[in-house]
Every structure is written in C-alpha cells, then in structure tokens.
Amino acid sequence: MEAKFLIVGDCAISVQLGEEISLEVNQKVRQLFLRLTEKPIEGILEMVPTYAGLTIHYNPVQIRFGELKALVGERLSGVENIRTVVQMVKEIPICYDKEFALDLEECAAMEDMTEEEFIQVHSGEEYYCYMLGFAPGHPYMARFGRPFHFKRRESPRVRIPGHSVVAAQNLSNMIPFDQPCGWNVIGATPVALCDYRRKDPFLIHAGDWVKYIPVSRREYEKIKEQDCKGNYRVRTYEKRMV
C-alpha cells in the first residue's frame, strides 16, 4: 500500500502505512519512527505510533505541510522492504491469584480449559506491543499463536485496579492506573507500567515484546515492595526473530 498523508488539524499529519492490524504493517510504522528519530526533521515536535500509522505533530511556523510531507516521503523509501530481525523482550511478572483474576475462571470455562491450562496458554508466548494508548504507559499487545475465543465483556466495568492484566482473543494489555475497562481481568503485575519518578516513565514501548512470567502471591508482594522502592529491574534481553 502506498502511504497516505492525512491532515490532522493545523499542526499534525497522520502517515497511514496500511489498513489492517498486523505485525507486518506495524513494523513499517516502527521503521519510519526510528528513521525520523535517528535523522530528525526540524519542526517535528512529537511522534505517536499507532497500529497502522504514525501521527506527526509539527510546528507550522518552522515547517509547512508540503515540505514536511516531502521530507517524510524521503524517509519512507525502502521501508516496506525492511524486516526487524532483533526483538527486545521484557519479562513481566504476573500473578493469577483469584483476588486479581476477576474473570479468569469464566474465561477458562469459555475455552473449555482448566485454570492451570488457561494460565499456561496465556503466559506461553511472547506479546508484541503495537502502541501505547488510552492512558500513559498503557500497552496494546498481541500474541500470534492460537487466539482465545472470548471477546471483551458485554458490560464494561466503571473502574478496575491499576496493574491489572486484561485479555480478549489474542490480545492482552496491562492497565497502568485505576480506570474504566471492558476487557476480561485475568491477573495483575506488581511492577509499575508508568512511574514519573523514572527518567523514562514508561516500562513498555511500542515495538517491545513482553513475556509474562507467572509468580505466586507471595512473590507478587515481594516484587511490588521492591518496585515501589525502585530496586526491582525487569529482565530485558534481545532475541533474534526467526
């Protein structure tokens, strides 16, 4: 698909690189983001990657739409042929204790699984972070194996606790703060997804991969205490994609 440049108000454009939610399309978005980060264009104020596009906020006093479109077009050259071969993986602890997993029993039943089998499937693969959205540091993630059948809840909850891990089909997000949510709550992570005390407040970024590591309630409380004190470090490593 040829890139589409959409005008977003008077000081932003959206560069659409596809019309579907897929790893292939999102990798193009990621490559454009990296190119504009490594070789910035004067006048760009902020970039926001989404599932299939990159929103670019700019200062129209410094650069006009036509010039920006042309320069971004140059950065797009060859993007469709680039494939990311190294992935950054972050191991995120998750506790499936019943106090946290409000919908796990129901979801497991819908999949005709025991709760233990459900946990094995949910934590058995790595999840790709397409983008951050809805709340600061809120990752939208997906795995690419067999999806679950259940979708979002018919009746959203007005508030679920921050740190909740939620799921629907092949998607599984982590909730940074107390907020409304229509997803199925299946666990919780003890680590802060957004902490403004850190130099980089966001734990997960677009383009990262996440591996859920099941922990007991006791381990959850221990990790949470360490994380609150700033002493816990998420294990992070690079892995070559097949």
Protein backbone atom coordinates (compact mmCIF):
# COMPACT_ATOMS: atom_id res chain seq x y z
CA MET A 1 0.00 0.00 0.00
CA GLU A 2 1.24 3.47 -0.85
CA ALA A 3 1.49 5.74 2.19
CA LYS A 4 -1.42 8.08 2.76
CA PHE A 5 -0.83 11.50 4.32
CA LEU A 6 -3.86 12.63 6.29
CA ILE A 7 -4.20 16.14 7.70
CA VAL A 8 -4.91 16.15 11.45
CA GLY A 9 -5.85 19.71 12.36
CA ASP A 10 -3.49 22.56 11.55
CA CYS A 11 -0.30 21.17 13.09
CA ALA A 12 -0.28 17.39 12.69
CA ILE A 13 -0.36 14.75 9.97
CA SER A 14 -1.03 11.02 10.09
CA VAL A 15 1.08 8.82 7.81
CA GLN A 16 -1.02 5.71 7.15
CA LEU A 17 1.02 2.67 6.09
CA GLY A 18 -1.74 0.07 5.95
CA GLU A 19 -5.38 -0.68 6.63
CA GLU A 20 -5.05 -3.70 8.90
CA ILE A 21 -3.73 -4.57 12.35
CA SER A 22 -0.74 -6.77 11.62
CA LEU A 23 2.88 -7.18 12.63
CA GLU A 24 3.99 -6.51 9.05
CA VAL A 25 2.21 -3.15 8.84
CA ASN A 26 3.24 -2.10 12.33
CA GLN A 27 6.88 -2.89 11.58
CA LYS A 28 6.71 -0.30 8.78
CA VAL A 29 5.36 2.23 11.26
CA ARG A 30 8.20 1.33 13.61
CA GLN A 31 10.84 1.73 10.91
CA LEU A 32 9.54 5.17 9.92
CA PHE A 33 9.50 6.21 13.59
CA LEU A 34 13.12 5.07 14.01
CA ARG A 35 14.26 6.81 10.83
CA LEU A 36 12.70 10.09 11.93
CA THR A 37 14.25 9.64 15.38
CA GLU A 38 17.72 8.92 14.05
CA LYS A 39 17.53 11.57 11.34
CA PRO A 40 15.10 14.18 12.71
CA ILE A 41 13.32 16.84 10.69
CA GLU A 42 13.43 20.33 12.15
CA GLY A 43 9.96 21.40 13.19
CA ILE A 44 8.67 17.99 14.29
CA LEU A 45 7.54 18.25 17.91
CA GLU A 46 6.29 14.76 18.70
CA MET A 47 5.54 11.43 17.03
CA VAL A 48 2.81 8.97 18.08
CA PRO A 49 2.95 5.46 16.55
CA THR A 50 -0.37 3.62 16.23
CA TYR A 51 -1.41 0.23 14.83
CA ALA A 52 -1.05 1.21 11.17
CA GLY A 53 0.16 4.79 11.09
CA LEU A 54 2.42 7.44 12.57
CA THR A 55 0.94 10.73 13.75
CA ILE A 56 3.44 13.56 13.49
CA HIS A 57 2.90 16.78 15.41
CA TYR A 58 4.84 19.72 13.99
CA ASN A 59 5.31 23.47 14.30
CA PRO A 60 3.80 25.06 11.15
CA VAL A 61 5.91 28.17 11.74
CA GLN A 62 9.07 26.11 11.31
CA ILE A 63 7.92 23.79 8.53
CA ARG A 64 4.96 23.80 6.18
CA PHE A 65 2.82 20.79 5.33
CA GLY A 66 4.16 20.35 1.81
CA GLU A 67 7.79 20.42 2.90
CA LEU A 68 7.13 18.03 5.78
CA LYS A 69 5.30 15.61 3.50
CA ALA A 70 8.20 15.61 1.04
CA LEU A 71 10.84 15.02 3.73
CA VAL A 72 8.84 12.25 5.39
CA GLY A 73 8.35 10.72 1.94
CA GLU A 74 12.12 10.54 1.56
CA ARG A 75 12.41 8.67 4.89
CA LEU A 76 9.78 6.21 3.67
CA SER A 77 11.96 4.98 0.82
CA GLY A 78 12.60 1.26 1.27
CA VAL A 79 10.61 0.95 4.50
CA GLU A 80 8.39 -1.79 3.04
CA ASN A 81 11.44 -3.99 2.42
CA ILE A 82 12.91 -3.75 5.93
CA ARG A 83 12.19 -6.53 8.41
CA THR A 84 13.16 -6.25 12.05
CA VAL A 85 15.36 -9.25 12.92
CA VAL A 86 16.11 -8.45 16.57
CA GLN A 87 13.36 -8.08 19.14
CA MET A 88 13.64 -6.53 22.60
CA VAL A 89 11.96 -8.83 25.13
CA LYS A 90 10.90 -7.75 28.63
CA GLU A 91 9.86 -10.33 31.22
CA ILE A 92 6.90 -9.03 33.18
CA PRO A 93 5.80 -10.89 36.34
CA ILE A 94 2.09 -11.68 36.54
CA CYS A 95 0.06 -13.11 39.40
CA TYR A 96 -3.09 -15.07 38.55
CA ASP A 97 -4.36 -15.10 42.17
CA LYS A 98 -8.16 -15.11 42.38
CA GLU A 99 -8.20 -11.72 44.10
CA PHE A 100 -6.67 -10.18 40.97
CA ALA A 101 -8.08 -12.51 38.28
CA LEU A 102 -11.72 -11.45 38.39
CA ASP A 103 -12.63 -13.16 35.10
CA LEU A 104 -10.08 -15.97 34.82
CA GLU A 105 -12.44 -18.75 35.94
CA GLU A 106 -15.13 -17.65 33.48
CA CYS A 107 -12.65 -17.21 30.62
CA ALA A 108 -11.13 -20.64 31.23
CA ALA A 109 -14.59 -22.19 31.19
CA MET A 110 -15.40 -20.49 27.88
CA GLU A 111 -12.22 -22.02 26.43
CA ASP A 112 -13.08 -25.46 27.90
CA MET A 113 -9.83 -25.36 29.88
CA THR A 114 -8.82 -25.71 33.48
CA GLU A 115 -7.49 -22.51 35.04
CA GLU A 116 -3.99 -24.03 35.04
CA GLU A 117 -4.24 -24.77 31.30
CA PHE A 118 -5.51 -21.25 30.65
CA ILE A 119 -2.54 -19.76 32.52
CA GLN A 120 -0.13 -21.93 30.53
CA VAL A 121 -1.60 -20.74 27.23
CA HIS A 122 -1.76 -17.08 28.25
CA SER A 123 1.83 -16.97 29.53
CA GLY A 124 3.23 -19.41 26.97
CA GLU A 125 4.02 -16.93 24.19
CA GLU A 126 5.56 -13.50 23.77
CA TYR A 127 3.33 -10.49 23.13
CA TYR A 128 4.17 -7.69 20.71
CA CYS A 129 3.42 -4.11 21.76
CA TYR A 130 1.78 -2.34 18.83
CA MET A 131 1.37 1.02 20.55
CA LEU A 132 0.64 2.90 23.78
CA GLY A 133 -2.77 4.44 24.25
CA PHE A 134 -5.82 5.31 26.33
CA ALA A 135 -3.66 6.08 29.40
CA PRO A 136 0.04 6.93 29.80
CA GLY A 137 2.13 3.78 29.50
CA HIS A 138 -0.85 1.57 28.54
CA PRO A 139 0.50 -1.05 26.07
CA TYR A 140 -1.71 -2.65 23.42
CA MET A 141 -0.22 -6.10 22.85
CA ALA A 142 -0.92 -9.28 20.90
CA ARG A 143 0.43 -12.79 20.55
CA PHE A 144 0.41 -14.63 17.25
CA GLY A 145 -0.40 -18.20 18.23
CA ARG A 146 -3.89 -19.67 18.60
CA PRO A 147 -6.19 -16.93 19.94
CA PHE A 148 -8.71 -17.37 22.70
CA HIS A 149 -12.35 -17.33 21.61
CA PHE A 150 -13.71 -14.92 24.21
CA LYS A 151 -14.02 -11.23 23.36
CA ARG A 152 -14.45 -8.16 25.53
CA ARG A 153 -17.11 -8.11 28.22
CA GLU A 154 -20.63 -7.11 27.21
CA SER A 155 -20.84 -4.81 30.24
CA PRO A 156 -17.66 -2.77 30.89
CA ARG A 157 -16.62 -2.04 34.47
CA VAL A 158 -16.59 1.58 35.59
CA ARG A 159 -13.25 1.03 37.32
CA ILE A 160 -10.67 -1.73 37.52
CA PRO A 161 -7.43 -1.55 39.54
CA GLY A 162 -4.20 -0.29 38.08
CA HIS A 163 -1.65 -3.10 37.44
CA SER A 164 -4.46 -5.38 36.15
CA VAL A 165 -3.66 -7.67 33.21
CA VAL A 166 -6.58 -7.99 30.80
CA ALA A 167 -7.27 -10.19 27.79
CA ALA A 168 -9.55 -10.77 24.80
CA GLN A 169 -8.88 -13.19 21.91
CA ASN A 170 -5.15 -12.89 21.08
CA LEU A 171 -4.76 -9.53 22.85
CA SER A 172 -3.52 -8.91 26.38
CA ASN A 173 -2.96 -5.44 27.79
CA MET A 174 -1.70 -4.14 31.11
CA ILE A 175 -3.53 -1.36 32.90
CA PRO A 176 -1.29 1.37 34.39
CA PHE A 177 -3.86 3.18 36.55
CA ASP A 178 -7.34 2.66 38.00
CA GLN A 179 -9.63 3.24 35.02
CA PRO A 180 -12.79 2.07 33.21
CA CYS A 181 -12.33 -1.11 31.20
CA GLY A 182 -14.40 -3.55 29.17
CA TRP A 183 -11.75 -6.26 28.97
CA ASN A 184 -11.56 -9.51 30.96
CA VAL A 185 -9.35 -9.17 34.04
CA ILE A 186 -7.21 -12.29 34.39
CA GLY A 187 -4.36 -11.24 36.67
CA ALA A 188 -2.12 -8.42 37.85
CA THR A 189 1.50 -7.35 37.59
CA PRO A 190 3.38 -5.99 40.61
CA VAL A 191 5.51 -3.60 38.55
CA ALA A 192 4.57 -0.01 37.67
CA LEU A 193 3.88 0.49 33.98
CA CYS A 194 4.13 4.27 34.31
CA ASP A 195 6.24 5.93 37.00
CA TYR A 196 7.16 9.58 36.62
CA ARG A 197 9.98 9.19 39.14
CA ARG A 198 11.90 7.32 36.45
CA LYS A 199 13.88 9.11 33.75
CA ASP A 200 11.84 7.11 31.24
CA PRO A 201 8.42 6.79 32.91
CA PHE A 202 7.13 4.06 30.57
CA LEU A 203 8.10 0.45 31.23
CA ILE A 204 6.90 -0.84 27.83
CA HIS A 205 7.29 0.93 24.48
CA ALA A 206 5.86 0.37 21.02
CA GLY A 207 7.96 -2.30 19.32
CA ASP A 208 8.84 -4.16 22.54
CA TRP A 209 7.94 -7.80 23.17
CA VAL A 210 6.62 -8.98 26.53
CA LYS A 211 6.94 -12.41 28.12
CA TYR A 212 4.59 -12.92 31.06
CA ILE A 213 6.25 -14.75 33.96
CA PRO A 214 3.73 -16.33 36.40
CA VAL A 215 4.51 -15.63 40.06
CA SER A 216 2.86 -16.61 43.32
CA ARG A 217 1.01 -14.15 45.55
CA ARG A 218 3.99 -14.12 47.91
CA GLU A 219 6.39 -13.36 45.05
CA TYR A 220 3.98 -10.68 43.80
CA GLU A 221 4.05 -8.84 47.13
CA LYS A 222 7.84 -9.10 47.36
CA ILE A 223 8.35 -7.75 43.83
CA LYS A 224 5.82 -4.96 44.40
CA GLU A 225 7.67 -3.85 47.52
CA GLN A 226 10.99 -3.85 45.65
CA ASP A 227 9.46 -1.97 42.71
CA CYS A 228 7.95 0.72 44.96
CA LYS A 229 11.43 1.30 46.41
CA GLY A 230 12.94 1.46 42.92
CA ASN A 231 15.01 -1.69 43.47
CA TYR A 232 13.32 -4.07 41.02
CA ARG A 233 14.65 -4.43 37.49
CA VAL A 234 12.66 -6.13 34.76
CA ARG A 235 14.76 -8.69 32.92
CA THR A 236 15.35 -7.41 29.40
CA TYR A 237 17.16 -9.10 26.56
CA GLU A 238 17.46 -9.17 22.78
CA LYS A 239 16.27 -12.12 20.71
CA ARG A 240 16.63 -12.76 17.01
CA MET A 241 13.37 -13.23 15.16
CA VAL A 242 13.01 -16.35 13.01
